Amino acid sequence: MSVRSNVAPSTIGVDFVEGGVVVEYLDGRDVFYHGPPKPVEESIKTPPGKEVHVLVTDPDGIEGVMTYVNDHNTHDDILESTGVGRVMLEGDDEEVLFPGVTVSTEAYSIRVDADLSLVDGRVFVFAEDELSEHAYELVAHAKHADSEGERDGTDTERDEPDESAETDGTEWG
């Protein structure tokens, strides 16, 4: 396996649709992330071993920047052609992805923290593998009480949107 490096993200399109979020790559392809994302207050520790993608949008949610965290599979030239960035963390590294948004490693999990007073937009975290998909939105104040299992990313839901999750009013369809 070749060594992977950090790649700076470019601005890409974003669309909120029924059941999730569509990210529009620079090369014309679209990727669908199941949702709607669960609101989580300011930080999330993803389930261990997941592929983690962080999306920070503009205030209108029309465009944003997407960064893969510790992605060992995608070649640099593919990331550059799609507009997706990548950050590689080792040990107990911490990296600023975007002003107000940091990522760090915690054992086999990734922790994403957002100081939402510094972010002029929205912050989404997607954690997935071949068995499950998890979608979160980091918010200043969640509108419902999350259990500790949801806050630390250990929920076990599979691909189905959480119809009970409340959002800040964004229409998902």
N, C-alpha and C. Protein backbone atom coordinates (compact mmCIF):
# COMPACT_ATOMS: atom_id res chain seq x y z
N MET A 1 0.86 -1.17 0.00
CA MET A 1 0.00 0.00 0.00
C MET A 1 0.90 1.23 0.00
N SER A 2 0.60 2.18 -0.85
CA SER A 2 1.41 3.39 -0.91
C SER A 2 1.05 4.34 0.23
N VAL A 3 1.96 5.24 0.52
CA VAL A 3 1.75 6.21 1.59
C VAL A 3 0.73 7.24 1.12
N ARG A 4 -0.19 7.59 1.98
CA ARG A 4 -1.21 8.58 1.67
C ARG A 4 -0.84 9.89 2.35
N SER A 5 -1.20 11.00 1.72
CA SER A 5 -0.86 12.31 2.25
C SER A 5 -2.12 13.15 2.45
N ASN A 6 -1.95 14.26 3.13
CA ASN A 6 -3.05 15.20 3.29
C ASN A 6 -3.35 15.85 1.95
N VAL A 7 -4.62 16.08 1.67
CA VAL A 7 -5.06 16.73 0.44
C VAL A 7 -6.04 17.82 0.85
N ALA A 8 -5.81 19.04 0.35
CA ALA A 8 -6.71 20.15 0.68
C ALA A 8 -8.03 20.00 -0.07
N PRO A 9 -9.16 20.24 0.60
CA PRO A 9 -10.46 20.14 -0.09
C PRO A 9 -10.75 21.38 -0.93
N SER A 10 -11.63 21.21 -1.90
CA SER A 10 -12.17 22.32 -2.70
C SER A 10 -13.64 22.48 -2.35
N THR A 11 -14.23 23.57 -2.75
CA THR A 11 -15.65 23.79 -2.52
C THR A 11 -16.45 22.91 -3.48
N ILE A 12 -17.41 22.16 -2.91
CA ILE A 12 -18.24 21.25 -3.70
C ILE A 12 -19.70 21.53 -3.38
N GLY A 13 -20.60 21.01 -4.21
CA GLY A 13 -22.04 21.23 -4.03
C GLY A 13 -22.62 20.31 -2.97
N VAL A 14 -23.69 20.80 -2.33
CA VAL A 14 -24.40 20.04 -1.29
C VAL A 14 -25.89 20.21 -1.54
N ASP A 15 -26.65 19.14 -1.34
CA ASP A 15 -28.10 19.21 -1.49
C ASP A 15 -28.74 18.35 -0.40
N PHE A 16 -29.66 18.93 0.35
CA PHE A 16 -30.41 18.19 1.36
C PHE A 16 -31.66 17.65 0.69
N VAL A 17 -31.81 16.33 0.70
CA VAL A 17 -32.94 15.67 0.05
C VAL A 17 -33.63 14.76 1.06
N GLU A 18 -34.80 14.26 0.68
CA GLU A 18 -35.50 13.32 1.56
C GLU A 18 -34.61 12.13 1.83
N GLY A 19 -34.37 11.86 3.09
CA GLY A 19 -33.60 10.69 3.48
C GLY A 19 -32.11 10.89 3.58
N GLY A 20 -31.60 12.11 3.36
CA GLY A 20 -30.17 12.27 3.50
C GLY A 20 -29.59 13.52 2.87
N VAL A 21 -28.29 13.43 2.59
CA VAL A 21 -27.52 14.55 2.06
C VAL A 21 -26.82 14.07 0.79
N VAL A 22 -26.90 14.86 -0.27
CA VAL A 22 -26.19 14.56 -1.51
C VAL A 22 -25.00 15.51 -1.61
N VAL A 23 -23.82 14.94 -1.84
CA VAL A 23 -22.61 15.72 -2.06
C VAL A 23 -22.28 15.61 -3.54
N GLU A 24 -22.09 16.76 -4.19
CA GLU A 24 -21.84 16.83 -5.62
C GLU A 24 -20.36 17.11 -5.87
N TYR A 25 -19.63 16.07 -6.30
CA TYR A 25 -18.20 16.17 -6.55
C TYR A 25 -17.91 17.07 -7.75
N LEU A 26 -16.69 17.59 -7.82
CA LEU A 26 -16.28 18.44 -8.94
C LEU A 26 -16.28 17.70 -10.27
N ASP A 27 -16.11 16.38 -10.22
CA ASP A 27 -16.07 15.60 -11.47
C ASP A 27 -17.48 15.24 -11.98
N GLY A 28 -18.52 15.77 -11.32
CA GLY A 28 -19.89 15.56 -11.78
C GLY A 28 -20.62 14.42 -11.11
N ARG A 29 -19.93 13.60 -10.34
CA ARG A 29 -20.60 12.49 -9.64
C ARG A 29 -21.24 12.99 -8.36
N ASP A 30 -22.30 12.30 -7.93
CA ASP A 30 -22.99 12.59 -6.67
C ASP A 30 -22.82 11.42 -5.73
N VAL A 31 -22.71 11.70 -4.44
CA VAL A 31 -22.67 10.66 -3.41
C VAL A 31 -23.78 10.96 -2.42
N PHE A 32 -24.55 9.92 -2.07
CA PHE A 32 -25.68 10.06 -1.15
C PHE A 32 -25.28 9.52 0.22
N TYR A 33 -25.46 10.35 1.25
CA TYR A 33 -25.25 9.95 2.64
C TYR A 33 -26.62 9.83 3.29
N HIS A 34 -26.95 8.64 3.80
CA HIS A 34 -28.25 8.41 4.44
C HIS A 34 -28.39 9.29 5.67
N GLY A 35 -29.61 9.70 5.94
CA GLY A 35 -29.91 10.56 7.08
C GLY A 35 -31.40 10.53 7.30
N PRO A 36 -32.01 11.55 7.86
CA PRO A 36 -31.35 12.79 8.21
C PRO A 36 -30.37 12.59 9.37
N PRO A 37 -29.32 13.41 9.38
CA PRO A 37 -28.31 13.27 10.44
C PRO A 37 -28.90 13.53 11.83
N LYS A 38 -28.40 12.77 12.80
CA LYS A 38 -28.81 12.97 14.20
C LYS A 38 -28.12 14.21 14.75
N PRO A 39 -28.87 15.10 15.39
CA PRO A 39 -28.21 16.25 16.02
C PRO A 39 -27.46 15.81 17.28
N VAL A 40 -26.21 16.23 17.36
CA VAL A 40 -25.35 15.91 18.50
C VAL A 40 -24.65 17.21 18.91
N GLU A 41 -24.62 17.47 20.20
CA GLU A 41 -24.04 18.73 20.68
C GLU A 41 -22.53 18.75 20.55
N GLU A 42 -22.03 19.57 19.64
CA GLU A 42 -20.66 20.05 19.49
C GLU A 42 -19.56 19.03 19.26
N SER A 43 -19.73 17.75 19.62
CA SER A 43 -18.66 16.79 19.36
C SER A 43 -19.23 15.38 19.26
N ILE A 44 -18.49 14.54 18.54
CA ILE A 44 -18.89 13.15 18.37
C ILE A 44 -17.64 12.29 18.29
N LYS A 45 -17.70 11.15 18.95
CA LYS A 45 -16.68 10.12 18.78
C LYS A 45 -17.33 9.04 17.93
N THR A 46 -16.80 8.80 16.74
CA THR A 46 -17.41 7.85 15.82
C THR A 46 -17.22 6.42 16.30
N PRO A 47 -18.06 5.52 15.81
CA PRO A 47 -17.84 4.11 16.12
C PRO A 47 -16.45 3.70 15.62
N PRO A 48 -15.79 2.77 16.30
CA PRO A 48 -14.44 2.38 15.90
C PRO A 48 -14.39 1.73 14.52
N GLY A 49 -13.30 1.99 13.81
CA GLY A 49 -13.04 1.33 12.54
C GLY A 49 -13.85 1.83 11.36
N LYS A 50 -14.58 2.89 11.49
CA LYS A 50 -15.42 3.40 10.40
C LYS A 50 -14.62 4.34 9.50
N GLU A 51 -15.05 4.45 8.23
CA GLU A 51 -14.57 5.50 7.36
C GLU A 51 -15.29 6.77 7.79
N VAL A 52 -14.55 7.84 8.04
CA VAL A 52 -15.13 9.06 8.57
C VAL A 52 -14.97 10.19 7.56
N HIS A 53 -16.10 10.84 7.24
CA HIS A 53 -16.12 11.96 6.31
C HIS A 53 -16.75 13.13 7.04
N VAL A 54 -16.10 14.30 6.98
CA VAL A 54 -16.60 15.50 7.65
C VAL A 54 -16.96 16.52 6.58
N LEU A 55 -18.19 17.02 6.65
CA LEU A 55 -18.68 18.01 5.70
C LEU A 55 -19.01 19.28 6.47
N VAL A 56 -18.43 20.41 6.03
CA VAL A 56 -18.74 21.72 6.59
C VAL A 56 -19.36 22.53 5.47
N THR A 57 -20.62 22.97 5.68
CA THR A 57 -21.33 23.71 4.62
C THR A 57 -21.32 25.20 4.88
N ASP A 58 -21.70 25.95 3.85
CA ASP A 58 -21.93 27.38 4.02
C ASP A 58 -23.24 27.56 4.78
N PRO A 59 -23.57 28.78 5.21
CA PRO A 59 -24.80 28.98 6.00
C PRO A 59 -26.06 28.54 5.27
N ASP A 60 -26.08 28.63 3.94
CA ASP A 60 -27.26 28.24 3.17
C ASP A 60 -27.31 26.76 2.87
N GLY A 61 -26.23 26.02 3.13
CA GLY A 61 -26.20 24.59 2.87
C GLY A 61 -26.16 24.23 1.40
N ILE A 62 -25.68 25.14 0.56
CA ILE A 62 -25.65 24.92 -0.88
C ILE A 62 -24.30 24.36 -1.33
N GLU A 63 -23.26 24.73 -0.61
CA GLU A 63 -21.93 24.22 -0.93
C GLU A 63 -21.15 24.05 0.36
N GLY A 64 -20.04 23.34 0.26
CA GLY A 64 -19.23 23.10 1.44
C GLY A 64 -17.92 22.44 1.09
N VAL A 65 -17.21 22.01 2.11
CA VAL A 65 -15.96 21.27 1.93
C VAL A 65 -16.09 19.94 2.65
N MET A 66 -15.62 18.89 1.99
CA MET A 66 -15.67 17.52 2.52
C MET A 66 -14.25 17.05 2.72
N THR A 67 -13.99 16.46 3.89
CA THR A 67 -12.67 15.91 4.18
C THR A 67 -12.81 14.50 4.71
N TYR A 68 -12.05 13.57 4.13
CA TYR A 68 -11.97 12.20 4.63
C TYR A 68 -10.89 12.16 5.70
N VAL A 69 -11.16 11.44 6.77
CA VAL A 69 -10.19 11.34 7.87
C VAL A 69 -9.59 9.93 7.86
N ASN A 70 -8.28 9.87 7.75
CA ASN A 70 -7.51 8.61 7.76
C ASN A 70 -7.94 7.64 6.66
N ASP A 71 -8.25 8.18 5.50
CA ASP A 71 -8.61 7.34 4.35
C ASP A 71 -7.33 6.78 3.73
N HIS A 72 -7.18 5.46 3.75
CA HIS A 72 -6.00 4.81 3.19
C HIS A 72 -6.26 4.25 1.80
N ASN A 73 -7.49 4.33 1.32
CA ASN A 73 -7.87 3.67 0.07
C ASN A 73 -7.86 4.56 -1.17
N THR A 74 -8.16 5.84 -1.03
CA THR A 74 -8.35 6.71 -2.18
C THR A 74 -7.04 7.39 -2.58
N HIS A 75 -6.69 7.31 -3.85
CA HIS A 75 -5.48 7.93 -4.36
C HIS A 75 -5.61 9.45 -4.37
N ASP A 76 -4.50 10.13 -4.16
CA ASP A 76 -4.50 11.59 -4.12
C ASP A 76 -5.14 12.21 -5.36
N ASP A 77 -4.81 11.68 -6.55
CA ASP A 77 -5.34 12.28 -7.78
C ASP A 77 -6.86 12.16 -7.88
N ILE A 78 -7.43 11.11 -7.32
CA ILE A 78 -8.89 10.96 -7.31
C ILE A 78 -9.51 11.99 -6.38
N LEU A 79 -8.91 12.17 -5.20
CA LEU A 79 -9.42 13.19 -4.28
C LEU A 79 -9.36 14.57 -4.92
N GLU A 80 -8.24 14.89 -5.55
CA GLU A 80 -8.09 16.20 -6.18
C GLU A 80 -9.11 16.42 -7.29
N SER A 81 -9.44 15.38 -8.06
CA SER A 81 -10.41 15.54 -9.15
C SER A 81 -11.85 15.66 -8.65
N THR A 82 -12.12 15.14 -7.45
CA THR A 82 -13.47 15.22 -6.89
C THR A 82 -13.68 16.45 -6.02
N GLY A 83 -12.59 17.03 -5.52
CA GLY A 83 -12.69 18.18 -4.62
C GLY A 83 -12.71 17.79 -3.16
N VAL A 84 -12.61 16.49 -2.87
CA VAL A 84 -12.62 16.01 -1.49
C VAL A 84 -11.20 16.09 -0.93
N GLY A 85 -11.10 16.51 0.32
CA GLY A 85 -9.80 16.57 0.98
C GLY A 85 -9.57 15.33 1.82
N ARG A 86 -8.36 15.23 2.34
CA ARG A 86 -8.03 14.12 3.24
C ARG A 86 -7.04 14.63 4.28
N VAL A 87 -7.22 14.16 5.51
CA VAL A 87 -6.26 14.41 6.56
C VAL A 87 -5.90 13.06 7.17
N MET A 88 -4.60 12.85 7.37
CA MET A 88 -4.10 11.61 7.96
C MET A 88 -3.63 11.92 9.38
N LEU A 89 -4.15 11.17 10.35
CA LEU A 89 -3.79 11.35 11.75
C LEU A 89 -3.03 10.12 12.23
N GLU A 90 -2.08 10.33 13.11
CA GLU A 90 -1.35 9.22 13.72
C GLU A 90 -1.41 9.37 15.24
N GLY A 91 -1.40 8.25 15.92
CA GLY A 91 -1.38 8.26 17.38
C GLY A 91 -2.43 9.17 17.98
N ASP A 92 -1.97 10.16 18.71
CA ASP A 92 -2.89 11.09 19.37
C ASP A 92 -2.90 12.45 18.67
N ASP A 93 -2.77 12.45 17.34
CA ASP A 93 -2.80 13.69 16.56
C ASP A 93 -4.13 14.41 16.67
N GLU A 94 -4.07 15.71 16.47
CA GLU A 94 -5.26 16.53 16.34
C GLU A 94 -5.01 17.49 15.18
N GLU A 95 -6.02 17.70 14.36
CA GLU A 95 -5.87 18.55 13.17
C GLU A 95 -7.08 19.45 13.03
N VAL A 96 -6.83 20.71 12.65
CA VAL A 96 -7.92 21.63 12.35
C VAL A 96 -8.31 21.41 10.89
N LEU A 97 -9.56 21.00 10.66
CA LEU A 97 -10.05 20.80 9.29
C LEU A 97 -10.52 22.10 8.67
N PHE A 98 -11.11 22.92 9.49
CA PHE A 98 -11.77 24.15 9.07
C PHE A 98 -11.81 25.01 10.33
N PRO A 99 -11.73 26.33 10.23
CA PRO A 99 -11.78 27.13 11.46
C PRO A 99 -12.98 26.73 12.34
N GLY A 100 -12.68 26.28 13.54
CA GLY A 100 -13.71 25.85 14.48
C GLY A 100 -14.00 24.37 14.46
N VAL A 101 -13.41 23.61 13.52
CA VAL A 101 -13.66 22.17 13.42
C VAL A 101 -12.34 21.42 13.50
N THR A 102 -12.21 20.57 14.53
CA THR A 102 -11.00 19.78 14.70
C THR A 102 -11.33 18.29 14.72
N VAL A 103 -10.37 17.49 14.31
CA VAL A 103 -10.49 16.04 14.39
C VAL A 103 -9.29 15.50 15.14
N SER A 104 -9.52 14.40 15.85
CA SER A 104 -8.43 13.75 16.58
C SER A 104 -8.72 12.26 16.64
N THR A 105 -7.70 11.49 17.01
CA THR A 105 -7.89 10.05 17.15
C THR A 105 -8.13 9.73 18.61
N GLU A 106 -8.99 8.73 18.83
CA GLU A 106 -9.27 8.19 20.16
C GLU A 106 -9.38 6.69 20.00
N ALA A 107 -8.29 5.99 20.31
CA ALA A 107 -8.21 4.54 20.09
C ALA A 107 -8.48 4.27 18.60
N TYR A 108 -9.49 3.47 18.28
CA TYR A 108 -9.81 3.16 16.89
C TYR A 108 -10.94 4.05 16.36
N SER A 109 -11.27 5.09 17.10
CA SER A 109 -12.34 6.01 16.72
C SER A 109 -11.76 7.35 16.33
N ILE A 110 -12.57 8.14 15.66
CA ILE A 110 -12.23 9.52 15.32
C ILE A 110 -13.17 10.42 16.11
N ARG A 111 -12.61 11.46 16.70
CA ARG A 111 -13.40 12.45 17.44
C ARG A 111 -13.43 13.72 16.61
N VAL A 112 -14.62 14.26 16.41
CA VAL A 112 -14.80 15.51 15.69
C VAL A 112 -15.42 16.50 16.66
N ASP A 113 -14.76 17.64 16.82
CA ASP A 113 -15.23 18.70 17.72
C ASP A 113 -15.48 19.96 16.89
N ALA A 114 -16.56 20.66 17.23
CA ALA A 114 -16.88 21.91 16.53
C ALA A 114 -17.17 23.01 17.54
N ASP A 115 -16.46 24.11 17.38
CA ASP A 115 -16.79 25.34 18.11
C ASP A 115 -17.70 26.11 17.16
N LEU A 116 -18.99 25.94 17.33
CA LEU A 116 -19.95 26.46 16.37
C LEU A 116 -20.03 27.98 16.35
N SER A 117 -19.45 28.63 17.35
CA SER A 117 -19.39 30.10 17.31
C SER A 117 -18.39 30.57 16.26
N LEU A 118 -17.50 29.66 15.83
CA LEU A 118 -16.50 30.00 14.81
C LEU A 118 -16.86 29.49 13.41
N VAL A 119 -17.89 28.64 13.34
CA VAL A 119 -18.28 28.04 12.06
C VAL A 119 -19.48 28.79 11.50
N ASP A 120 -19.31 29.34 10.32
CA ASP A 120 -20.41 30.07 9.67
C ASP A 120 -21.11 29.13 8.70
N GLY A 121 -21.75 28.11 9.24
CA GLY A 121 -22.42 27.11 8.42
C GLY A 121 -22.78 25.92 9.30
N ARG A 122 -22.83 24.74 8.69
CA ARG A 122 -23.23 23.53 9.40
C ARG A 122 -22.12 22.49 9.30
N VAL A 123 -22.07 21.60 10.31
CA VAL A 123 -21.02 20.58 10.37
C VAL A 123 -21.69 19.21 10.45
N PHE A 124 -21.35 18.33 9.49
CA PHE A 124 -21.89 16.98 9.43
C PHE A 124 -20.75 15.98 9.51
N VAL A 125 -21.01 14.85 10.17
CA VAL A 125 -20.04 13.77 10.27
C VAL A 125 -20.73 12.50 9.80
N PHE A 126 -20.09 11.80 8.86
CA PHE A 126 -20.60 10.53 8.35
C PHE A 126 -19.57 9.46 8.67
N ALA A 127 -20.02 8.38 9.30
CA ALA A 127 -19.15 7.27 9.67
C ALA A 127 -19.78 6.00 9.12
N GLU A 128 -19.03 5.28 8.27
CA GLU A 128 -19.64 4.13 7.60
C GLU A 128 -18.61 3.04 7.31
N ASP A 129 -19.15 1.87 7.10
CA ASP A 129 -18.40 0.74 6.57
C ASP A 129 -19.39 -0.12 5.81
N GLU A 130 -19.00 -1.34 5.44
CA GLU A 130 -19.91 -2.18 4.66
C GLU A 130 -21.11 -2.68 5.47
N LEU A 131 -21.09 -2.51 6.79
CA LEU A 131 -22.17 -3.00 7.63
C LEU A 131 -23.16 -1.94 8.10
N SER A 132 -22.71 -0.70 8.20
CA SER A 132 -23.60 0.33 8.75
C SER A 132 -23.18 1.72 8.30
N GLU A 133 -24.13 2.63 8.40
CA GLU A 133 -23.89 4.04 8.12
C GLU A 133 -24.44 4.86 9.28
N HIS A 134 -23.70 5.86 9.69
CA HIS A 134 -24.11 6.76 10.76
C HIS A 134 -23.96 8.18 10.25
N ALA A 135 -24.93 9.03 10.50
CA ALA A 135 -24.89 10.44 10.09
C ALA A 135 -25.23 11.31 11.28
N TYR A 136 -24.40 12.33 11.50
CA TYR A 136 -24.58 13.24 12.63
C TYR A 136 -24.44 14.67 12.14
N GLU A 137 -25.15 15.58 12.80
CA GLU A 137 -24.91 17.00 12.62
C GLU A 137 -24.52 17.57 13.97
N LEU A 138 -23.38 18.26 14.02
CA LEU A 138 -22.94 18.88 15.25
C LEU A 138 -23.68 20.21 15.39
N VAL A 139 -24.38 20.36 16.50
CA VAL A 139 -25.21 21.53 16.76
C VAL A 139 -24.86 22.13 18.11
N ALA A 140 -25.22 23.39 18.30
CA ALA A 140 -24.95 24.06 19.57
C ALA A 140 -25.77 23.44 20.70
N HIS A 141 -27.03 23.16 20.43
CA HIS A 141 -27.92 22.58 21.44
C HIS A 141 -28.83 21.59 20.75
N ALA A 142 -28.71 20.32 21.10
CA ALA A 142 -29.60 19.30 20.54
C ALA A 142 -31.00 19.54 21.08
N LYS A 143 -32.00 19.31 20.24
CA LYS A 143 -33.39 19.56 20.64
C LYS A 143 -33.99 18.40 21.41
N HIS A 144 -33.26 17.32 21.55
CA HIS A 144 -33.72 16.19 22.36
C HIS A 144 -32.52 15.64 23.12
N ALA A 145 -32.78 14.96 24.20
CA ALA A 145 -31.70 14.41 25.02
C ALA A 145 -31.15 13.17 24.35
N ASP A 146 -29.86 13.20 24.01
CA ASP A 146 -29.20 12.03 23.46
C ASP A 146 -28.76 11.13 24.59
N SER A 147 -28.87 9.84 24.37
CA SER A 147 -28.31 8.92 25.35
C SER A 147 -26.80 8.94 25.20
N GLU A 148 -26.08 8.50 26.20
CA GLU A 148 -24.63 8.49 26.13
C GLU A 148 -24.15 7.63 24.97
N GLY A 149 -24.83 6.54 24.67
CA GLY A 149 -24.43 5.69 23.55
C GLY A 149 -24.49 6.42 22.22
N GLU A 150 -25.50 7.29 22.03
CA GLU A 150 -25.57 8.06 20.80
C GLU A 150 -24.47 9.11 20.76
N ARG A 151 -24.18 9.74 21.88
CA ARG A 151 -23.18 10.79 21.91
C ARG A 151 -21.79 10.26 21.59
N ASP A 152 -21.47 9.04 22.05
CA ASP A 152 -20.13 8.53 21.77
C ASP A 152 -20.06 7.70 20.50
N GLY A 153 -21.15 7.72 19.71
CA GLY A 153 -21.11 7.09 18.40
C GLY A 153 -21.24 5.58 18.42
N THR A 154 -21.72 5.00 19.50
CA THR A 154 -21.80 3.55 19.57
C THR A 154 -23.17 3.02 19.19
N ASP A 155 -24.03 3.86 18.59
CA ASP A 155 -25.32 3.34 18.18
C ASP A 155 -25.14 2.30 17.08
N THR A 156 -26.13 1.46 16.88
CA THR A 156 -25.97 0.34 15.96
C THR A 156 -27.02 0.33 14.86
N GLU A 157 -27.61 1.47 14.58
CA GLU A 157 -28.64 1.51 13.55
C GLU A 157 -28.05 1.18 12.20
N ARG A 158 -28.87 0.64 11.34
CA ARG A 158 -28.43 0.19 10.03
C ARG A 158 -29.20 0.90 8.93
N ASP A 159 -28.59 1.80 8.22
CA ASP A 159 -29.07 2.38 6.98
C ASP A 159 -30.44 3.05 7.02
N GLU A 160 -31.22 2.90 8.04
CA GLU A 160 -32.56 3.47 8.06
C GLU A 160 -32.53 4.87 8.66
N PRO A 161 -33.18 5.84 8.04
CA PRO A 161 -33.24 7.17 8.62
C PRO A 161 -33.94 7.13 9.97
N ASP A 162 -33.48 7.94 10.90
CA ASP A 162 -34.10 8.03 12.22
C ASP A 162 -35.23 9.04 12.12
N GLU A 163 -36.44 8.56 11.94
CA GLU A 163 -37.59 9.42 11.76
C GLU A 163 -37.89 10.26 12.98
N SER A 164 -37.39 9.85 14.16
CA SER A 164 -37.67 10.60 15.38
C SER A 164 -36.66 11.71 15.62
N ALA A 165 -35.55 11.72 14.89
CA ALA A 165 -34.54 12.73 15.12
C ALA A 165 -35.07 14.10 14.72
N GLU A 166 -34.91 15.05 15.60
CA GLU A 166 -35.35 16.39 15.32
C GLU A 166 -34.20 17.15 14.68
N THR A 167 -34.51 18.09 13.80
CA THR A 167 -33.48 18.91 13.19
C THR A 167 -33.82 20.35 13.45
N ASP A 168 -33.00 21.24 12.92
CA ASP A 168 -33.23 22.66 13.14
C ASP A 168 -34.21 23.25 12.14
N GLY A 169 -35.02 22.44 11.50
CA GLY A 169 -36.02 22.93 10.58
C GLY A 169 -35.67 22.71 9.13
N THR A 170 -34.47 22.24 8.84
CA THR A 170 -34.09 21.97 7.46
C THR A 170 -35.00 20.90 6.88
N GLU A 171 -35.52 21.16 5.71
CA GLU A 171 -36.36 20.17 5.04
C GLU A 171 -35.44 19.14 4.40
N TRP A 172 -35.75 17.88 4.58
CA TRP A 172 -34.95 16.80 4.01
C TRP A 172 -35.64 16.18 2.82
N GLY A 173 -36.65 16.82 2.31
CA GLY A 173 -37.31 16.24 1.15
C GLY A 173 -38.31 17.15 0.53
